[in-house]
Amino acid sequence: MSSGELTPAEFSHNMDALHRSVQSTLGLAQNLITWANAQMNSHRKINVEMIRVSDLIHEVYGQYRELAERKGIGFRYQADSSLIAMADKNQISFVLRNLVNNAIKYTSPTGVVSVTANLHEHDKVMISVADNGIGISSNTLERIRNLGVQQSAPGTLGEKGTGLGLSLCYEFIRQNNGHIEIESEVGLGSTFSVYLAKN
């Protein structure tokens, strides 16, 4: 093997790094486009429909399973197939994708990300995205809760972001008459729970 050739392990490592970079860039572009559309169509009437929550979660799982596997993260989901939420499907899909992407981003290899959906006691559908990643400081958590914004920080493998995704999540959930609750502790992980109207 010449000095300019890569070993199979080096090639695999470089391909994984390239894949993460491409996924990060695509995510940035998607959030910027969604943010721009939201600004231009701020008065657009949302399309409320009946959403089978388990189907939506399964779709998001399929989209992010490979990303989690490449990072060495366990990814699982559980949802009652009878749960139906009333909301704009495209907006809620965007919210779940962003929350799952962030959970993977801020969880170290060998960590776990899980998505669950249950009927909340106040007749709301609760969808939770939980991880055992790096967690969020109390100051940052307070800023997110009050403003729905977060200055983007690099992920556990250097993944980048714009900080727009979470802000859009808050806006979309507000438009669907729902709310988001966050529980987090530095070093132990975070849980983002979305509450939506039940059919």
N, C-alpha and C. Protein backbone atom coordinates (compact mmCIF):
# COMPACT_ATOMS: atom_id res chain seq x y z
N MET A 1 0.85 -1.19 0.00
CA MET A 1 0.00 0.00 0.00
C MET A 1 0.88 1.24 0.00
N SER A 2 0.65 2.15 -0.95
CA SER A 2 1.44 3.37 -1.02
C SER A 2 1.02 4.32 0.08
N SER A 3 1.89 5.34 0.32
CA SER A 3 1.63 6.29 1.40
C SER A 3 0.38 7.11 1.17
N GLY A 4 -0.07 7.21 -0.10
CA GLY A 4 -1.25 8.02 -0.41
C GLY A 4 -2.56 7.27 -0.31
N GLU A 5 -2.51 5.96 -0.07
CA GLU A 5 -3.73 5.16 0.00
C GLU A 5 -4.24 5.05 1.43
N LEU A 6 -5.56 4.92 1.54
CA LEU A 6 -6.19 4.79 2.85
C LEU A 6 -6.41 3.33 3.19
N THR A 7 -6.29 3.01 4.46
CA THR A 7 -6.65 1.67 4.91
C THR A 7 -8.18 1.57 4.90
N PRO A 8 -8.73 0.36 4.90
CA PRO A 8 -10.19 0.21 4.96
C PRO A 8 -10.81 0.93 6.15
N ALA A 9 -10.13 0.89 7.30
CA ALA A 9 -10.67 1.56 8.50
C ALA A 9 -10.67 3.07 8.31
N GLU A 10 -9.60 3.60 7.72
CA GLU A 10 -9.52 5.05 7.48
C GLU A 10 -10.57 5.48 6.47
N PHE A 11 -10.75 4.68 5.43
CA PHE A 11 -11.76 4.99 4.41
C PHE A 11 -13.15 5.00 5.03
N SER A 12 -13.45 4.00 5.86
CA SER A 12 -14.76 3.93 6.51
C SER A 12 -14.98 5.13 7.42
N HIS A 13 -13.93 5.50 8.17
CA HIS A 13 -14.04 6.66 9.07
C HIS A 13 -14.32 7.93 8.28
N ASN A 14 -13.59 8.12 7.17
CA ASN A 14 -13.79 9.31 6.35
C ASN A 14 -15.18 9.34 5.71
N MET A 15 -15.66 8.18 5.30
CA MET A 15 -17.01 8.12 4.71
C MET A 15 -18.07 8.47 5.74
N ASP A 16 -17.90 7.99 6.97
CA ASP A 16 -18.84 8.33 8.04
C ASP A 16 -18.84 9.82 8.31
N ALA A 17 -17.63 10.42 8.35
CA ALA A 17 -17.52 11.86 8.59
C ALA A 17 -18.17 12.64 7.46
N LEU A 18 -17.96 12.18 6.22
CA LEU A 18 -18.57 12.85 5.07
C LEU A 18 -20.09 12.74 5.12
N HIS A 19 -20.59 11.57 5.50
CA HIS A 19 -22.04 11.37 5.60
C HIS A 19 -22.64 12.30 6.64
N ARG A 20 -22.00 12.44 7.79
CA ARG A 20 -22.50 13.33 8.83
C ARG A 20 -22.50 14.78 8.34
N SER A 21 -21.45 15.15 7.61
CA SER A 21 -21.36 16.51 7.08
C SER A 21 -22.47 16.80 6.09
N VAL A 22 -22.74 15.84 5.21
CA VAL A 22 -23.81 16.01 4.22
C VAL A 22 -25.16 16.11 4.90
N GLN A 23 -25.41 15.22 5.88
CA GLN A 23 -26.68 15.26 6.60
C GLN A 23 -26.86 16.57 7.34
N SER A 24 -25.79 17.07 7.94
CA SER A 24 -25.85 18.34 8.65
C SER A 24 -26.17 19.48 7.71
N THR A 25 -25.51 19.49 6.55
CA THR A 25 -25.75 20.55 5.56
C THR A 25 -27.19 20.50 5.04
N LEU A 26 -27.69 19.30 4.78
CA LEU A 26 -29.08 19.16 4.32
C LEU A 26 -30.05 19.64 5.38
N GLY A 27 -29.74 19.33 6.64
CA GLY A 27 -30.60 19.78 7.73
C GLY A 27 -30.62 21.29 7.86
N LEU A 28 -29.45 21.92 7.72
CA LEU A 28 -29.37 23.37 7.77
C LEU A 28 -30.21 23.99 6.66
N ALA A 29 -30.05 23.46 5.45
CA ALA A 29 -30.78 24.00 4.30
C ALA A 29 -32.29 23.85 4.50
N GLN A 30 -32.71 22.69 5.00
CA GLN A 30 -34.14 22.45 5.21
C GLN A 30 -34.71 23.42 6.22
N ASN A 31 -34.00 23.65 7.32
CA ASN A 31 -34.49 24.57 8.33
C ASN A 31 -34.55 26.00 7.82
N LEU A 32 -33.56 26.40 7.04
CA LEU A 32 -33.56 27.75 6.47
C LEU A 32 -34.72 27.94 5.51
N ILE A 33 -34.98 26.94 4.68
CA ILE A 33 -36.09 27.01 3.72
C ILE A 33 -37.42 27.05 4.46
N THR A 34 -37.57 26.19 5.47
CA THR A 34 -38.81 26.15 6.24
C THR A 34 -39.03 27.47 6.97
N TRP A 35 -37.94 28.02 7.54
CA TRP A 35 -38.05 29.30 8.24
C TRP A 35 -38.48 30.40 7.28
N ALA A 36 -37.88 30.44 6.08
CA ALA A 36 -38.23 31.45 5.09
C ALA A 36 -39.69 31.33 4.67
N ASN A 37 -40.13 30.09 4.44
CA ASN A 37 -41.53 29.88 4.07
C ASN A 37 -42.48 30.30 5.18
N ALA A 38 -42.08 30.01 6.43
CA ALA A 38 -42.92 30.39 7.57
C ALA A 38 -43.05 31.90 7.67
N GLN A 39 -41.95 32.62 7.38
CA GLN A 39 -41.98 34.08 7.43
C GLN A 39 -42.87 34.65 6.33
N MET A 40 -42.78 34.07 5.15
CA MET A 40 -43.54 34.58 4.00
C MET A 40 -45.02 34.21 4.08
N ASN A 41 -45.31 33.12 4.80
CA ASN A 41 -46.70 32.64 4.86
C ASN A 41 -47.21 32.64 6.30
N SER A 42 -46.84 33.67 7.05
CA SER A 42 -47.18 33.72 8.47
C SER A 42 -48.68 33.76 8.72
N HIS A 43 -49.45 34.17 7.72
CA HIS A 43 -50.90 34.25 7.89
C HIS A 43 -51.63 33.09 7.20
N ARG A 44 -50.84 32.12 6.71
CA ARG A 44 -51.43 30.97 6.05
C ARG A 44 -52.21 30.12 7.05
N LYS A 45 -53.39 29.71 6.65
CA LYS A 45 -54.21 28.85 7.50
C LYS A 45 -53.62 27.45 7.51
N ILE A 46 -53.42 26.88 8.70
CA ILE A 46 -52.85 25.55 8.77
C ILE A 46 -53.89 24.50 8.38
N ASN A 47 -53.41 23.37 7.94
CA ASN A 47 -54.28 22.29 7.47
C ASN A 47 -54.45 21.25 8.57
N VAL A 48 -55.44 21.46 9.43
CA VAL A 48 -55.68 20.53 10.54
C VAL A 48 -56.36 19.28 10.01
N GLU A 49 -55.83 18.13 10.38
CA GLU A 49 -56.40 16.86 9.95
C GLU A 49 -56.17 15.81 11.03
N MET A 50 -56.79 14.66 10.87
CA MET A 50 -56.57 13.56 11.81
C MET A 50 -55.26 12.87 11.46
N ILE A 51 -54.38 12.77 12.45
CA ILE A 51 -53.07 12.15 12.24
C ILE A 51 -52.97 10.91 13.11
N ARG A 52 -52.70 9.78 12.47
CA ARG A 52 -52.40 8.58 13.26
C ARG A 52 -50.96 8.70 13.74
N VAL A 53 -50.82 8.94 15.03
CA VAL A 53 -49.52 9.30 15.58
C VAL A 53 -48.47 8.20 15.37
N SER A 54 -48.86 6.95 15.50
CA SER A 54 -47.90 5.85 15.33
C SER A 54 -47.33 5.83 13.92
N ASP A 55 -48.15 6.15 12.91
CA ASP A 55 -47.67 6.18 11.53
C ASP A 55 -46.65 7.29 11.33
N LEU A 56 -46.93 8.45 11.91
CA LEU A 56 -46.03 9.59 11.78
C LEU A 56 -44.69 9.29 12.46
N ILE A 57 -44.74 8.72 13.64
CA ILE A 57 -43.51 8.39 14.35
C ILE A 57 -42.71 7.33 13.59
N HIS A 58 -43.41 6.36 13.01
CA HIS A 58 -42.74 5.33 12.22
C HIS A 58 -42.02 5.95 11.02
N GLU A 59 -42.63 6.94 10.38
CA GLU A 59 -42.00 7.61 9.25
C GLU A 59 -40.71 8.32 9.69
N VAL A 60 -40.79 9.04 10.80
CA VAL A 60 -39.62 9.76 11.30
C VAL A 60 -38.53 8.77 11.72
N TYR A 61 -38.93 7.66 12.32
CA TYR A 61 -37.97 6.63 12.70
C TYR A 61 -37.22 6.12 11.47
N GLY A 62 -37.95 5.87 10.40
CA GLY A 62 -37.33 5.39 9.17
C GLY A 62 -36.34 6.39 8.59
N GLN A 63 -36.65 7.67 8.75
CA GLN A 63 -35.78 8.71 8.20
C GLN A 63 -34.48 8.87 8.99
N TYR A 64 -34.51 8.56 10.30
CA TYR A 64 -33.35 8.83 11.15
C TYR A 64 -32.67 7.59 11.70
N ARG A 65 -33.18 6.42 11.37
CA ARG A 65 -32.58 5.18 11.89
C ARG A 65 -31.13 5.03 11.44
N GLU A 66 -30.86 5.27 10.17
CA GLU A 66 -29.50 5.10 9.66
C GLU A 66 -28.54 6.11 10.31
N LEU A 67 -29.00 7.36 10.48
CA LEU A 67 -28.15 8.37 11.10
C LEU A 67 -27.77 7.95 12.52
N ALA A 68 -28.75 7.43 13.27
CA ALA A 68 -28.48 6.96 14.63
C ALA A 68 -27.51 5.78 14.61
N GLU A 69 -27.74 4.85 13.69
CA GLU A 69 -26.87 3.67 13.61
C GLU A 69 -25.44 4.06 13.28
N ARG A 70 -25.28 5.00 12.36
CA ARG A 70 -23.93 5.43 11.97
C ARG A 70 -23.19 6.07 13.15
N LYS A 71 -23.94 6.68 14.05
CA LYS A 71 -23.31 7.31 15.21
C LYS A 71 -23.19 6.33 16.38
N GLY A 72 -23.70 5.13 16.21
CA GLY A 72 -23.62 4.14 17.27
C GLY A 72 -24.62 4.36 18.39
N ILE A 73 -25.76 4.98 18.04
CA ILE A 73 -26.78 5.31 19.03
C ILE A 73 -27.98 4.37 18.88
N GLY A 74 -28.49 3.87 19.99
CA GLY A 74 -29.71 3.09 19.97
C GLY A 74 -30.90 4.00 19.71
N PHE A 75 -31.81 3.58 18.84
CA PHE A 75 -32.96 4.41 18.47
C PHE A 75 -34.19 3.53 18.48
N ARG A 76 -35.17 3.89 19.30
CA ARG A 76 -36.37 3.06 19.39
C ARG A 76 -37.61 3.94 19.53
N TYR A 77 -38.76 3.35 19.27
CA TYR A 77 -40.00 4.11 19.41
C TYR A 77 -41.12 3.19 19.85
N GLN A 78 -42.16 3.80 20.46
CA GLN A 78 -43.33 3.06 20.91
C GLN A 78 -44.52 4.00 20.88
N ALA A 79 -45.59 3.57 20.23
CA ALA A 79 -46.79 4.41 20.15
C ALA A 79 -48.01 3.53 19.96
N ASP A 80 -49.06 3.85 20.69
CA ASP A 80 -50.34 3.15 20.57
C ASP A 80 -50.95 3.48 19.21
N SER A 81 -51.26 2.46 18.43
CA SER A 81 -51.78 2.67 17.07
C SER A 81 -53.15 3.34 17.07
N SER A 82 -53.81 3.40 18.22
CA SER A 82 -55.14 4.01 18.27
C SER A 82 -55.09 5.52 18.50
N LEU A 83 -53.91 6.06 18.79
CA LEU A 83 -53.80 7.49 19.08
C LEU A 83 -53.97 8.33 17.82
N ILE A 84 -54.93 9.25 17.87
CA ILE A 84 -55.18 10.17 16.75
C ILE A 84 -55.09 11.60 17.27
N ALA A 85 -54.24 12.41 16.63
CA ALA A 85 -54.11 13.82 17.00
C ALA A 85 -54.71 14.69 15.91
N MET A 86 -55.19 15.86 16.30
CA MET A 86 -55.72 16.82 15.34
C MET A 86 -54.69 17.94 15.16
N ALA A 87 -54.05 17.98 13.99
CA ALA A 87 -52.99 18.96 13.77
C ALA A 87 -52.62 18.98 12.30
N ASP A 88 -51.74 19.92 11.95
CA ASP A 88 -51.20 20.01 10.60
C ASP A 88 -50.07 18.98 10.50
N LYS A 89 -50.25 17.97 9.67
CA LYS A 89 -49.30 16.85 9.60
C LYS A 89 -47.90 17.31 9.21
N ASN A 90 -47.79 18.19 8.22
CA ASN A 90 -46.48 18.64 7.76
C ASN A 90 -45.73 19.37 8.87
N GLN A 91 -46.45 20.19 9.62
CA GLN A 91 -45.80 20.94 10.69
C GLN A 91 -45.36 20.01 11.83
N ILE A 92 -46.20 19.07 12.20
CA ILE A 92 -45.85 18.16 13.29
C ILE A 92 -44.72 17.23 12.86
N SER A 93 -44.70 16.83 11.61
CA SER A 93 -43.60 16.02 11.09
C SER A 93 -42.29 16.79 11.18
N PHE A 94 -42.33 18.07 10.83
CA PHE A 94 -41.14 18.91 10.94
C PHE A 94 -40.66 18.97 12.38
N VAL A 95 -41.60 19.17 13.30
CA VAL A 95 -41.25 19.25 14.73
C VAL A 95 -40.57 17.97 15.20
N LEU A 96 -41.16 16.82 14.89
CA LEU A 96 -40.60 15.55 15.33
C LEU A 96 -39.23 15.30 14.72
N ARG A 97 -39.07 15.62 13.44
CA ARG A 97 -37.78 15.44 12.79
C ARG A 97 -36.70 16.27 13.48
N ASN A 98 -37.03 17.50 13.80
CA ASN A 98 -36.06 18.37 14.45
C ASN A 98 -35.72 17.89 15.85
N LEU A 99 -36.72 17.47 16.61
CA LEU A 99 -36.46 17.00 17.97
C LEU A 99 -35.62 15.72 17.96
N VAL A 100 -35.92 14.81 17.02
CA VAL A 100 -35.14 13.57 16.91
C VAL A 100 -33.72 13.88 16.45
N ASN A 101 -33.60 14.76 15.46
CA ASN A 101 -32.27 15.13 14.97
C ASN A 101 -31.43 15.75 16.08
N ASN A 102 -32.03 16.63 16.88
CA ASN A 102 -31.30 17.24 17.99
C ASN A 102 -30.90 16.20 19.04
N ALA A 103 -31.81 15.27 19.31
CA ALA A 103 -31.52 14.23 20.30
C ALA A 103 -30.31 13.40 19.86
N ILE A 104 -30.27 13.04 18.59
CA ILE A 104 -29.14 12.28 18.05
C ILE A 104 -27.87 13.14 18.08
N LYS A 105 -28.03 14.38 17.71
CA LYS A 105 -26.89 15.32 17.65
C LYS A 105 -26.21 15.48 19.00
N TYR A 106 -26.99 15.55 20.07
CA TYR A 106 -26.43 15.82 21.39
C TYR A 106 -26.29 14.58 22.26
N THR A 107 -26.34 13.40 21.63
CA THR A 107 -26.13 12.15 22.34
C THR A 107 -24.85 11.51 21.84
N SER A 108 -24.03 11.03 22.76
CA SER A 108 -22.76 10.42 22.39
C SER A 108 -22.97 8.99 21.89
N PRO A 109 -22.02 8.48 21.10
CA PRO A 109 -22.08 7.07 20.68
C PRO A 109 -22.30 6.15 21.88
N THR A 110 -23.08 5.11 21.67
CA THR A 110 -23.55 4.13 22.66
C THR A 110 -24.73 4.65 23.48
N GLY A 111 -25.15 5.91 23.25
CA GLY A 111 -26.32 6.45 23.93
C GLY A 111 -27.61 5.93 23.32
N VAL A 112 -28.74 6.42 23.85
CA VAL A 112 -30.05 5.95 23.39
C VAL A 112 -30.99 7.14 23.20
N VAL A 113 -31.74 7.09 22.09
CA VAL A 113 -32.80 8.06 21.81
C VAL A 113 -34.11 7.29 21.66
N SER A 114 -35.16 7.78 22.30
CA SER A 114 -36.45 7.08 22.20
C SER A 114 -37.58 8.07 21.95
N VAL A 115 -38.56 7.62 21.18
CA VAL A 115 -39.76 8.41 20.90
C VAL A 115 -40.96 7.61 21.37
N THR A 116 -41.79 8.22 22.20
CA THR A 116 -42.98 7.55 22.70
C THR A 116 -44.19 8.46 22.55
N ALA A 117 -45.36 7.86 22.46
CA ALA A 117 -46.60 8.63 22.37
C ALA A 117 -47.64 7.98 23.27
N ASN A 118 -48.31 8.82 24.05
CA ASN A 118 -49.33 8.34 24.99
C ASN A 118 -50.48 9.34 25.07
N LEU A 119 -51.59 8.87 25.61
CA LEU A 119 -52.71 9.76 25.89
C LEU A 119 -52.47 10.41 27.24
N HIS A 120 -52.40 11.75 27.25
CA HIS A 120 -52.15 12.47 28.48
C HIS A 120 -53.45 12.57 29.28
N GLU A 121 -53.32 12.77 30.59
CA GLU A 121 -54.48 12.76 31.48
C GLU A 121 -55.47 13.88 31.18
N HIS A 122 -55.02 14.95 30.54
CA HIS A 122 -55.92 16.06 30.22
C HIS A 122 -56.46 15.96 28.80
N ASP A 123 -56.59 14.73 28.32
CA ASP A 123 -57.17 14.46 27.01
C ASP A 123 -56.35 15.08 25.89
N LYS A 124 -55.04 15.04 26.05
CA LYS A 124 -54.11 15.49 25.02
C LYS A 124 -53.24 14.31 24.59
N VAL A 125 -52.79 14.35 23.35
CA VAL A 125 -51.81 13.38 22.90
C VAL A 125 -50.43 13.93 23.23
N MET A 126 -49.63 13.13 23.93
CA MET A 126 -48.28 13.55 24.31
C MET A 126 -47.25 12.72 23.54
N ILE A 127 -46.41 13.40 22.77
CA ILE A 127 -45.32 12.75 22.04
C ILE A 127 -44.01 13.22 22.65
N SER A 128 -43.21 12.28 23.15
CA SER A 128 -41.96 12.63 23.83
C SER A 128 -40.75 12.09 23.08
N VAL A 129 -39.74 12.94 22.97
CA VAL A 129 -38.44 12.55 22.40
C VAL A 129 -37.42 12.67 23.53
N ALA A 130 -36.87 11.53 23.94
CA ALA A 130 -35.96 11.50 25.09
C ALA A 130 -34.59 10.98 24.69
N ASP A 131 -33.56 11.49 25.36
CA ASP A 131 -32.20 11.00 25.12
C ASP A 131 -31.43 10.99 26.43
N ASN A 132 -30.30 10.31 26.44
CA ASN A 132 -29.42 10.33 27.61
C ASN A 132 -28.10 11.00 27.23
N GLY A 133 -28.25 12.12 26.51
CA GLY A 133 -27.09 12.85 26.01
C GLY A 133 -26.52 13.85 26.99
N ILE A 134 -25.98 14.95 26.44
CA ILE A 134 -25.23 15.91 27.26
C ILE A 134 -26.11 16.80 28.12
N GLY A 135 -27.41 16.89 27.80
CA GLY A 135 -28.31 17.70 28.59
C GLY A 135 -28.18 19.19 28.30
N ILE A 136 -28.99 19.99 28.99
CA ILE A 136 -29.05 21.43 28.76
C ILE A 136 -28.88 22.14 30.09
N SER A 137 -28.05 23.18 30.11
CA SER A 137 -27.83 23.94 31.34
C SER A 137 -29.11 24.67 31.75
N SER A 138 -29.22 25.01 33.02
CA SER A 138 -30.42 25.66 33.53
C SER A 138 -30.67 27.01 32.86
N ASN A 139 -29.60 27.76 32.61
CA ASN A 139 -29.74 29.07 31.96
C ASN A 139 -30.28 28.93 30.54
N THR A 140 -29.70 27.99 29.80
CA THR A 140 -30.17 27.76 28.42
C THR A 140 -31.59 27.23 28.42
N LEU A 141 -31.89 26.35 29.36
CA LEU A 141 -33.22 25.78 29.45
C LEU A 141 -34.27 26.86 29.71
N GLU A 142 -33.95 27.81 30.57
CA GLU A 142 -34.87 28.90 30.86
C GLU A 142 -35.10 29.76 29.63
N ARG A 143 -34.04 30.00 28.86
CA ARG A 143 -34.17 30.79 27.64
C ARG A 143 -35.05 30.07 26.61
N ILE A 144 -34.87 28.77 26.50
CA ILE A 144 -35.70 28.01 25.57
C ILE A 144 -37.16 28.05 25.99
N ARG A 145 -37.41 27.85 27.28
CA ARG A 145 -38.79 27.82 27.77
C ARG A 145 -39.49 29.16 27.59
N ASN A 146 -38.76 30.25 27.77
CA ASN A 146 -39.36 31.58 27.68
C ASN A 146 -39.49 32.07 26.25
N LEU A 147 -38.50 31.76 25.42
CA LEU A 147 -38.45 32.34 24.09
C LEU A 147 -38.55 31.32 22.96
N GLY A 148 -38.36 30.05 23.30
CA GLY A 148 -38.39 29.03 22.26
C GLY A 148 -37.19 29.10 21.34
N VAL A 149 -36.07 29.68 21.81
CA VAL A 149 -34.88 29.79 20.97
C VAL A 149 -33.68 29.25 21.73
N GLN A 150 -32.69 28.83 20.97
CA GLN A 150 -31.47 28.30 21.55
C GLN A 150 -30.32 28.61 20.62
N GLN A 151 -29.25 29.16 21.15
CA GLN A 151 -28.05 29.35 20.35
C GLN A 151 -27.48 27.98 20.03
N SER A 152 -27.29 27.72 18.74
CA SER A 152 -26.85 26.40 18.34
C SER A 152 -25.46 26.08 18.86
N ALA A 153 -25.31 24.89 19.43
CA ALA A 153 -24.01 24.42 19.91
C ALA A 153 -23.63 23.17 19.14
N PRO A 154 -22.33 22.92 18.95
CA PRO A 154 -21.91 21.72 18.22
C PRO A 154 -22.39 20.46 18.92
N GLY A 155 -22.68 19.43 18.11
CA GLY A 155 -23.09 18.15 18.66
C GLY A 155 -21.90 17.40 19.23
N THR A 156 -22.15 16.19 19.71
CA THR A 156 -21.10 15.42 20.37
C THR A 156 -20.00 14.97 19.41
N LEU A 157 -20.28 14.98 18.10
CA LEU A 157 -19.25 14.69 17.10
C LEU A 157 -19.01 15.90 16.20
N GLY A 158 -19.32 17.10 16.74
CA GLY A 158 -19.05 18.33 16.00
C GLY A 158 -20.13 18.75 15.03
N GLU A 159 -21.31 18.08 15.07
CA GLU A 159 -22.39 18.45 14.16
C GLU A 159 -22.81 19.90 14.39
N LYS A 160 -23.13 20.58 13.30
CA LYS A 160 -23.48 22.00 13.40
C LYS A 160 -24.97 22.21 13.17
N GLY A 161 -25.46 23.40 13.56
CA GLY A 161 -26.86 23.76 13.36
C GLY A 161 -27.01 25.27 13.32
N THR A 162 -28.22 25.74 13.02
CA THR A 162 -28.48 27.18 12.95
C THR A 162 -29.18 27.72 14.18
N GLY A 163 -29.83 26.83 14.95
CA GLY A 163 -30.64 27.29 16.08
C GLY A 163 -32.06 27.63 15.66
N LEU A 164 -32.34 27.59 14.35
CA LEU A 164 -33.68 27.94 13.86
C LEU A 164 -34.69 26.83 14.10
N GLY A 165 -34.22 25.58 14.10
CA GLY A 165 -35.14 24.45 14.17
C GLY A 165 -36.04 24.48 15.38
N LEU A 166 -35.46 24.70 16.55
CA LEU A 166 -36.25 24.68 17.78
C LEU A 166 -37.23 25.85 17.82
N SER A 167 -36.80 27.00 17.33
CA SER A 167 -37.69 28.16 17.27
C SER A 167 -38.90 27.87 16.40
N LEU A 168 -38.68 27.21 15.26
CA LEU A 168 -39.78 26.84 14.37
C LEU A 168 -40.68 25.80 15.03
N CYS A 169 -40.09 24.88 15.78
CA CYS A 169 -40.89 23.88 16.50
C CYS A 169 -41.89 24.56 17.42
N TYR A 170 -41.41 25.52 18.20
CA TYR A 170 -42.29 26.24 19.12
C TYR A 170 -43.39 26.97 18.36
N GLU A 171 -43.04 27.60 17.24
CA GLU A 171 -44.03 28.35 16.47
C GLU A 171 -45.08 27.42 15.88
N PHE A 172 -44.65 26.29 15.32
CA PHE A 172 -45.60 25.36 14.71
C PHE A 172 -46.52 24.73 15.75
N ILE A 173 -45.99 24.39 16.90
CA ILE A 173 -46.84 23.81 17.94
C ILE A 173 -47.83 24.84 18.46
N ARG A 174 -47.39 26.09 18.57
CA ARG A 174 -48.30 27.17 18.98
C ARG A 174 -49.44 27.31 17.98
N GLN A 175 -49.12 27.25 16.69
CA GLN A 175 -50.15 27.37 15.65
C GLN A 175 -51.15 26.23 15.72
N ASN A 176 -50.73 25.09 16.25
CA ASN A 176 -51.61 23.93 16.36
C ASN A 176 -52.26 23.84 17.74
N ASN A 177 -52.26 24.96 18.48
CA ASN A 177 -52.89 25.03 19.80
C ASN A 177 -52.34 23.99 20.78
N GLY A 178 -51.05 23.70 20.65
CA GLY A 178 -50.41 22.78 21.57
C GLY A 178 -49.32 23.48 22.36
N HIS A 179 -48.52 22.71 23.06
CA HIS A 179 -47.39 23.29 23.77
C HIS A 179 -46.29 22.26 23.93
N ILE A 180 -45.10 22.74 24.27
CA ILE A 180 -43.93 21.89 24.46
C ILE A 180 -43.42 22.03 25.88
N GLU A 181 -43.12 20.91 26.49
CA GLU A 181 -42.49 20.91 27.82
C GLU A 181 -41.12 20.24 27.72
N ILE A 182 -40.17 20.75 28.51
CA ILE A 182 -38.80 20.24 28.46
C ILE A 182 -38.33 19.86 29.86
N GLU A 183 -37.72 18.69 29.97
CA GLU A 183 -37.02 18.29 31.18
C GLU A 183 -35.60 17.94 30.79
N SER A 184 -34.62 18.49 31.50
CA SER A 184 -33.24 18.22 31.14
C SER A 184 -32.31 18.42 32.33
N GLU A 185 -31.23 17.66 32.32
CA GLU A 185 -30.20 17.81 33.34
C GLU A 185 -28.85 17.57 32.68
N VAL A 186 -27.93 18.47 32.92
CA VAL A 186 -26.60 18.36 32.31
C VAL A 186 -25.97 17.01 32.63
N GLY A 187 -25.52 16.33 31.60
CA GLY A 187 -24.86 15.05 31.76
C GLY A 187 -25.79 13.85 31.80
N LEU A 188 -27.10 14.10 31.91
CA LEU A 188 -28.06 12.99 32.01
C LEU A 188 -29.02 12.90 30.83
N GLY A 189 -29.18 14.00 30.10
CA GLY A 189 -30.05 13.95 28.93
C GLY A 189 -31.24 14.88 29.00
N SER A 190 -32.07 14.80 27.98
CA SER A 190 -33.22 15.71 27.84
C SER A 190 -34.44 14.95 27.34
N THR A 191 -35.61 15.49 27.69
CA THR A 191 -36.88 14.98 27.17
C THR A 191 -37.72 16.17 26.72
N PHE A 192 -38.08 16.18 25.45
CA PHE A 192 -38.96 17.19 24.88
C PHE A 192 -40.31 16.53 24.64
N SER A 193 -41.35 17.06 25.27
CA SER A 193 -42.70 16.50 25.14
C SER A 193 -43.63 17.49 24.44
N VAL A 194 -44.26 17.01 23.38
CA VAL A 194 -45.19 17.83 22.59
C VAL A 194 -46.62 17.40 22.94
N TYR A 195 -47.48 18.37 23.24
CA TYR A 195 -48.86 18.08 23.58
C TYR A 195 -49.77 18.64 22.47
N LEU A 196 -50.63 17.76 21.94
CA LEU A 196 -51.53 18.13 20.86
C LEU A 196 -52.96 17.71 21.18
N ALA A 197 -53.90 18.34 20.50
CA ALA A 197 -55.30 18.00 20.71
C ALA A 197 -55.59 16.58 20.24
N LYS A 198 -56.35 15.86 21.03
CA LYS A 198 -56.78 14.50 20.67
C LYS A 198 -58.04 14.57 19.83
N ASN A 199 -58.16 13.65 18.89
CA ASN A 199 -59.35 13.60 18.05
C ASN A 199 -60.58 13.23 18.91
